């Protein structure tokens, strides 16, 4: 029930945090050895994820016209339900391509490049 509530409340402002939570859960589930060599617990993984992606998430919020909550939920569902093999191959990511739409491609790319340096 908690997962359904969590997914029903996804917004552009909290989508990255939801994504990070699931990404860390799946990383621990699907590659426990690598997870344990990098993180002491879920909280450390989630902090690292947010530190590494917060600026990029802000670029999407700032340079895209629309956030599709239904597509965001589909993205999170795919990440949560994919097999470990599919997760490791990144198959779930195709469900995330349309979460943000109406993006100014040039400004978005420049923003991401600016935070990636």
Protein backbone atom coordinates (compact mmCIF):
# COMPACT_ATOMS: atom_id res chain seq x y z
CA UNK A 1 0.00 0.00 0.00
CA UNK A 2 2.86 2.39 0.81
CA UNK A 3 4.30 2.02 -2.70
CA UNK A 4 0.96 2.88 -4.29
CA UNK A 5 0.64 5.97 -2.11
CA UNK A 6 4.21 6.94 -2.87
CA UNK A 7 3.69 6.64 -6.61
CA UNK A 8 0.38 8.50 -6.58
CA UNK A 9 2.07 11.58 -5.14
CA UNK A 10 4.97 11.88 -7.58
CA UNK A 11 5.67 15.42 -8.78
CA UNK A 12 8.47 17.06 -10.72
CA UNK A 13 9.91 18.23 -7.41
CA UNK A 14 10.05 14.76 -5.79
CA UNK A 15 10.45 12.48 -8.82
CA UNK A 16 14.24 12.37 -8.55
CA UNK A 17 14.06 11.37 -4.88
CA UNK A 18 11.57 8.59 -5.69
CA UNK A 19 13.83 7.45 -8.52
CA UNK A 20 16.84 7.44 -6.21
CA UNK A 21 15.04 5.41 -3.57
CA UNK A 22 14.06 2.73 -6.08
CA UNK A 23 17.44 2.82 -7.84
CA UNK A 24 19.20 2.13 -4.55
CA UNK A 25 16.75 -0.62 -3.57
CA UNK A 26 17.23 -2.35 -6.92
CA UNK A 27 21.01 -1.91 -6.80
CA UNK A 28 21.12 -3.65 -3.43
CA UNK A 29 18.71 -6.38 -4.56
CA UNK A 30 20.29 -7.06 -7.95
CA UNK A 31 24.00 -6.54 -7.23
CA UNK A 32 24.38 -6.84 -3.47
CA UNK A 33 28.16 -7.27 -3.56
CA UNK A 34 28.76 -4.07 -5.51
CA UNK A 35 26.20 -2.23 -3.40
CA UNK A 36 27.82 -3.30 -0.13
CA UNK A 37 31.28 -2.34 -1.37
CA UNK A 38 30.05 1.17 -2.18
CA UNK A 39 27.50 1.92 0.56
CA UNK A 40 26.96 1.09 4.21
CA UNK A 41 23.17 1.34 3.88
CA UNK A 42 20.24 2.61 1.79
CA UNK A 43 20.47 6.12 3.26
CA UNK A 44 24.07 6.52 2.12
CA UNK A 45 23.18 5.30 -1.37
CA UNK A 46 20.23 7.67 -1.61
CA UNK A 47 22.31 10.63 -0.41
CA UNK A 48 24.94 9.82 -3.03
CA UNK A 49 22.30 9.47 -5.75
CA UNK A 50 20.72 12.81 -4.89
CA UNK A 51 24.10 14.56 -4.67
CA UNK A 52 25.02 13.23 -8.12
CA UNK A 53 21.69 13.96 -9.82
CA UNK A 54 20.11 16.96 -8.10
CA UNK A 55 21.50 19.54 -10.53
CA UNK A 56 20.55 17.46 -13.56
CA UNK A 57 17.02 17.01 -12.22
CA UNK A 58 16.81 20.79 -11.77
CA UNK A 59 17.85 21.25 -15.40
CA UNK A 60 14.88 19.15 -16.52
CA UNK A 61 12.50 21.08 -14.27
CA UNK A 62 13.85 24.43 -15.53
CA UNK A 63 14.13 23.65 -19.25
CA UNK A 64 11.11 21.44 -19.96
CA UNK A 65 7.52 22.63 -20.26
CA UNK A 66 5.69 19.61 -18.93
CA UNK A 67 6.08 16.88 -16.34
CA UNK A 68 3.91 13.83 -16.99
CA UNK A 69 3.08 12.29 -13.60
CA UNK A 70 1.47 9.26 -15.24
CA UNK A 71 4.64 8.59 -17.25
CA UNK A 72 6.73 9.18 -14.11
CA UNK A 73 4.68 6.54 -12.32
CA UNK A 74 5.20 4.17 -15.26
CA UNK A 75 8.95 4.83 -15.09
CA UNK A 76 9.04 4.07 -11.37
CA UNK A 77 6.87 0.98 -11.84
CA UNK A 78 9.22 -0.34 -14.54
CA UNK A 79 12.22 0.21 -12.30
CA UNK A 80 10.46 -1.49 -9.39
CA UNK A 81 9.16 -4.50 -11.34
CA UNK A 82 11.84 -5.29 -13.93
CA UNK A 83 13.84 -8.45 -13.41
CA UNK A 84 17.35 -7.98 -12.09
CA UNK A 85 18.71 -8.83 -15.53
CA UNK A 86 16.54 -6.17 -17.16
CA UNK A 87 17.41 -3.70 -14.40
CA UNK A 88 21.15 -4.21 -14.95
CA UNK A 89 20.68 -3.70 -18.70
CA UNK A 90 18.75 -0.50 -18.07
CA UNK A 91 15.61 -1.71 -19.84
CA UNK A 92 13.44 0.27 -17.39
CA UNK A 93 14.98 3.54 -18.53
CA UNK A 94 13.00 3.59 -21.81
CA UNK A 95 9.88 4.10 -19.68
CA UNK A 96 11.47 7.28 -18.31
CA UNK A 97 12.15 8.99 -21.66
CA UNK A 98 8.82 10.82 -21.76
CA UNK A 99 8.54 11.97 -18.14
CA UNK A 100 9.61 15.49 -19.12
CA UNK A 101 8.36 16.88 -22.44
CA UNK A 102 8.54 20.14 -24.31
CA UNK A 103 12.20 20.50 -23.44
CA UNK A 104 14.38 23.16 -25.00
CA UNK A 105 17.04 20.70 -26.17
CA UNK A 106 19.85 23.24 -26.49
CA UNK A 107 19.26 24.91 -23.13
CA UNK A 108 18.78 21.53 -21.46
CA UNK A 109 22.01 20.17 -22.93
CA UNK A 110 23.93 23.30 -21.93
CA UNK A 111 22.52 23.13 -18.42
CA UNK A 112 23.43 19.47 -18.04
CA UNK A 113 26.89 20.06 -19.51
CA UNK A 114 27.38 22.90 -17.06
CA UNK A 115 26.63 20.73 -14.07
CA UNK A 116 28.53 17.77 -15.45
CA UNK A 117 31.87 19.56 -15.60
